[in-house]
Amino acid sequence: MAVLESGAGWIGYWLDRMDTVYASPQGPVVRSLLPEPPSFYFRRQCWISGDPDETSLAAIIPGVGADRFFWASDFPHPDHPPEYVPEVTRLARALPEEARAGFLGRNVLAAYRIERSRGAASGSV
């Protein structure tokens, strides 16, 4: 499942919250339906696009799973600053080096099961 057009900064909070409820005294009801914590299923089968002007993403992406995020490339949008491409560069540089290529393109190729051509999504910024 790809979560698009909703930002990505919220996912860290919600995965933490759902996992906390899963482990709480209320958890037996949830655990009877889900053998693994909710974050397990997200990390296994969900991808999310983030906007480069979301300043919290550099902290959230490594914790949630760097292979699950990619940037929302359908710009320009009137609700974002015109410096969108420099923001992509800023955010990519703030990510751990091993996460950059995924965020810049490799992860979207995996999400949509697109064979990667040589040189695509190299991750250099």
C-alpha atoms as a PDB file:
ATOM      1  CA  MET A   1       0.000   0.000   0.000  1.00  0.00           C
ATOM      2  CA  ALA A   2       1.301   3.458  -0.847  1.00  0.00           C
ATOM      3  CA  VAL A   3       0.162   6.367   1.321  1.00  0.00           C
ATOM      4  CA  LEU A   4       0.263   9.461  -0.880  1.00  0.00           C
ATOM      5  CA  GLU A   5      -0.836  13.099  -0.638  1.00  0.00           C
ATOM      6  CA  SER A   6      -1.012  13.128   3.164  1.00  0.00           C
ATOM      7  CA  GLY A   7       2.479  14.098   4.249  1.00  0.00           C
ATOM      8  CA  ALA A   8       4.593  11.687   6.260  1.00  0.00           C
ATOM      9  CA  GLY A   9       5.517  13.359   9.535  1.00  0.00           C
ATOM     10  CA  TRP A  10       2.544  11.825  11.318  1.00  0.00           C
ATOM     11  CA  ILE A  11       3.510   8.200  10.692  1.00  0.00           C
ATOM     12  CA  GLY A  12       6.170   8.044  13.406  1.00  0.00           C
ATOM     13  CA  TYR A  13       3.703   9.156  16.066  1.00  0.00           C
ATOM     14  CA  TRP A  14       0.943   6.805  14.930  1.00  0.00           C
ATOM     15  CA  LEU A  15       3.153   3.740  14.679  1.00  0.00           C
ATOM     16  CA  ASP A  16       4.506   4.465  18.171  1.00  0.00           C
ATOM     17  CA  ARG A  17       0.974   4.945  19.486  1.00  0.00           C
ATOM     18  CA  MET A  18      -0.434   1.793  17.865  1.00  0.00           C
ATOM     19  CA  ASP A  19       2.495  -0.293  19.112  1.00  0.00           C
ATOM     20  CA  THR A  20       1.995   1.108  22.626  1.00  0.00           C
ATOM     21  CA  VAL A  21      -1.679   0.123  22.620  1.00  0.00           C
ATOM     22  CA  TYR A  22      -0.675  -3.279  21.255  1.00  0.00           C
ATOM     23  CA  ALA A  23       1.629  -3.763  24.270  1.00  0.00           C
ATOM     24  CA  SER A  24      -0.791  -2.225  26.806  1.00  0.00           C
ATOM     25  CA  PRO A  25      -3.343  -3.950  29.067  1.00  0.00           C
ATOM     26  CA  GLN A  26      -5.847  -3.369  26.220  1.00  0.00           C
ATOM     27  CA  GLY A  27      -3.517  -5.265  23.931  1.00  0.00           C
ATOM     28  CA  PRO A  28      -5.020  -8.775  24.204  1.00  0.00           C
ATOM     29  CA  VAL A  29      -7.942  -7.719  22.007  1.00  0.00           C
ATOM     30  CA  VAL A  30      -5.604  -6.273  19.401  1.00  0.00           C
ATOM     31  CA  ARG A  31      -3.141  -9.160  19.702  1.00  0.00           C
ATOM     32  CA  SER A  32      -5.966 -11.628  19.092  1.00  0.00           C
ATOM     33  CA  LEU A  33      -6.331 -10.040  15.639  1.00  0.00           C
ATOM     34  CA  LEU A  34      -2.703  -9.171  14.918  1.00  0.00           C
ATOM     35  CA  PRO A  35       0.079 -11.569  15.901  1.00  0.00           C
ATOM     36  CA  GLU A  36       2.690  -8.814  15.343  1.00  0.00           C
ATOM     37  CA  PRO A  37       2.757  -5.136  16.377  1.00  0.00           C
ATOM     38  CA  PRO A  38       1.187  -2.715  13.863  1.00  0.00           C
ATOM     39  CA  SER A  39       4.595  -1.267  12.943  1.00  0.00           C
ATOM     40  CA  PHE A  40       5.629  -4.723  11.699  1.00  0.00           C
ATOM     41  CA  TYR A  41       2.859  -4.673   9.078  1.00  0.00           C
ATOM     42  CA  PHE A  42       3.615  -1.105   8.052  1.00  0.00           C
ATOM     43  CA  ARG A  43       7.302  -1.895   7.588  1.00  0.00           C
ATOM     44  CA  ARG A  44       6.434  -5.011   5.634  1.00  0.00           C
ATOM     45  CA  GLN A  45       3.820  -3.703   3.217  1.00  0.00           C
ATOM     46  CA  CYS A  46       3.438   0.093   3.239  1.00  0.00           C
ATOM     47  CA  TRP A  47       5.285   2.970   1.608  1.00  0.00           C
ATOM     48  CA  ILE A  48       4.711   6.658   2.223  1.00  0.00           C
ATOM     49  CA  SER A  49       5.588   9.773   0.285  1.00  0.00           C
ATOM     50  CA  GLY A  50       6.844  12.776   2.186  1.00  0.00           C
ATOM     51  CA  ASP A  51       7.163  16.395   1.275  1.00  0.00           C
ATOM     52  CA  PRO A  52      10.711  17.754   1.438  1.00  0.00           C
ATOM     53  CA  ASP A  53       9.587  20.749   3.503  1.00  0.00           C
ATOM     54  CA  GLU A  54       8.516  18.443   6.358  1.00  0.00           C
ATOM     55  CA  THR A  55      11.380  19.235   8.700  1.00  0.00           C
ATOM     56  CA  SER A  56      10.737  16.261  11.015  1.00  0.00           C
ATOM     57  CA  LEU A  57      11.237  13.642   8.304  1.00  0.00           C
ATOM     58  CA  ALA A  58      14.999  13.320   8.712  1.00  0.00           C
ATOM     59  CA  ALA A  59      14.388  12.099  12.283  1.00  0.00           C
ATOM     60  CA  ILE A  60      11.343   9.943  11.500  1.00  0.00           C
ATOM     61  CA  ILE A  61      12.562   8.084   8.406  1.00  0.00           C
ATOM     62  CA  PRO A  62      15.403   6.053  10.001  1.00  0.00           C
ATOM     63  CA  GLY A  63      13.217   5.041  12.951  1.00  0.00           C
ATOM     64  CA  VAL A  64      10.232   3.928  10.906  1.00  0.00           C
ATOM     65  CA  GLY A  65      12.202   2.344   8.103  1.00  0.00           C
ATOM     66  CA  ALA A  66      14.255   4.192   5.508  1.00  0.00           C
ATOM     67  CA  ASP A  67      13.161   1.748   2.815  1.00  0.00           C
ATOM     68  CA  ARG A  68       9.507   2.803   3.227  1.00  0.00           C
ATOM     69  CA  PHE A  69       9.747   6.508   2.289  1.00  0.00           C
ATOM     70  CA  PHE A  70      10.107   8.484  -0.914  1.00  0.00           C
ATOM     71  CA  TRP A  71       9.630  12.120  -1.793  1.00  0.00           C
ATOM     72  CA  ALA A  72       6.401  13.426  -3.275  1.00  0.00           C
ATOM     73  CA  SER A  73       7.584  14.428  -6.716  1.00  0.00           C
ATOM     74  CA  ASP A  74       4.326  15.783  -8.115  1.00  0.00           C
ATOM     75  CA  PHE A  75       5.267  19.426  -7.686  1.00  0.00           C
ATOM     76  CA  PRO A  76       4.635  22.302  -7.917  1.00  0.00           C
ATOM     77  CA  HIS A  77       1.791  22.532  -5.445  1.00  0.00           C
ATOM     78  CA  PRO A  78       0.421  25.890  -4.344  1.00  0.00           C
ATOM     79  CA  ASP A  79       0.647  24.844  -0.673  1.00  0.00           C
ATOM     80  CA  HIS A  80       4.438  24.406  -0.762  1.00  0.00           C
ATOM     81  CA  PRO A  81       7.232  26.942  -1.152  1.00  0.00           C
ATOM     82  CA  PRO A  82       8.687  27.406  -4.644  1.00  0.00           C
ATOM     83  CA  GLU A  83      12.077  26.127  -3.374  1.00  0.00           C
ATOM     84  CA  TYR A  84      10.816  22.544  -3.527  1.00  0.00           C
ATOM     85  CA  VAL A  85      13.781  21.028  -5.353  1.00  0.00           C
ATOM     86  CA  PRO A  86      16.374  22.646  -3.039  1.00  0.00           C
ATOM     87  CA  GLU A  87      14.287  21.289  -0.144  1.00  0.00           C
ATOM     88  CA  VAL A  88      14.635  17.769  -1.595  1.00  0.00           C
ATOM     89  CA  THR A  89      18.408  18.245  -1.595  1.00  0.00           C
ATOM     90  CA  ARG A  90      18.384  19.608   1.976  1.00  0.00           C
ATOM     91  CA  LEU A  91      16.298  16.702   3.244  1.00  0.00           C
ATOM     92  CA  ALA A  92      18.349  14.073   1.396  1.00  0.00           C
ATOM     93  CA  ARG A  93      21.541  15.493   2.904  1.00  0.00           C
ATOM     94  CA  ALA A  94      19.972  15.316   6.386  1.00  0.00           C
ATOM     95  CA  LEU A  95      19.282  11.591   5.976  1.00  0.00           C
ATOM     96  CA  PRO A  96      21.866   8.926   6.722  1.00  0.00           C
ATOM     97  CA  GLU A  97      23.843   8.295   3.544  1.00  0.00           C
ATOM     98  CA  GLU A  98      22.490   4.754   3.193  1.00  0.00           C
ATOM     99  CA  ALA A  99      18.895   6.116   3.145  1.00  0.00           C
ATOM    100  CA  ARG A 100      19.355   8.789   0.470  1.00  0.00           C
ATOM    101  CA  ALA A 101      19.084   6.691  -2.686  1.00  0.00           C
ATOM    102  CA  GLY A 102      15.895   5.104  -1.394  1.00  0.00           C
ATOM    103  CA  PHE A 103      14.254   8.399  -0.564  1.00  0.00           C
ATOM    104  CA  LEU A 104      15.280   9.926  -3.896  1.00  0.00           C
ATOM    105  CA  GLY A 105      13.897   7.111  -6.029  1.00  0.00           C
ATOM    106  CA  ARG A 106      14.936   3.557  -5.255  1.00  0.00           C
ATOM    107  CA  ASN A 107      12.087   3.029  -2.758  1.00  0.00           C
ATOM    108  CA  VAL A 108       9.392   4.139  -5.190  1.00  0.00           C
ATOM    109  CA  LEU A 109      10.772   1.690  -7.731  1.00  0.00           C
ATOM    110  CA  ALA A 110      10.448  -1.078  -5.144  1.00  0.00           C
ATOM    111  CA  ALA A 111       6.964   0.045  -4.094  1.00  0.00           C
ATOM    112  CA  TYR A 112       5.681  -0.091  -7.659  1.00  0.00           C
ATOM    113  CA  ARG A 113       7.851  -3.087  -8.561  1.00  0.00           C
ATOM    114  CA  ILE A 114       9.606  -1.242 -11.365  1.00  0.00           C
ATOM    115  CA  GLU A 115      12.875  -2.707 -12.548  1.00  0.00           C
ATOM    116  CA  ARG A 116      15.646  -0.231 -11.891  1.00  0.00           C
ATOM    117  CA  SER A 117      17.738   0.790 -14.867  1.00  0.00           C
ATOM    118  CA  ARG A 118      21.446   1.384 -14.516  1.00  0.00           C
ATOM    119  CA  GLY A 119      22.188   4.777 -12.976  1.00  0.00           C
ATOM    120  CA  ALA A 120      18.600   5.424 -11.879  1.00  0.00           C
ATOM    121  CA  ALA A 121      18.081   6.676  -8.343  1.00  0.00           C
ATOM    122  CA  SER A 122      21.774   6.864  -7.605  1.00  0.00           C
ATOM    123  CA  GLY A 123      21.158   8.978  -4.552  1.00  0.00           C
ATOM    124  CA  SER A 124      23.965  11.457  -5.141  1.00  0.00           C
ATOM    125  CA  VAL A 125      23.192  14.976  -4.002  1.00  0.00           C
END
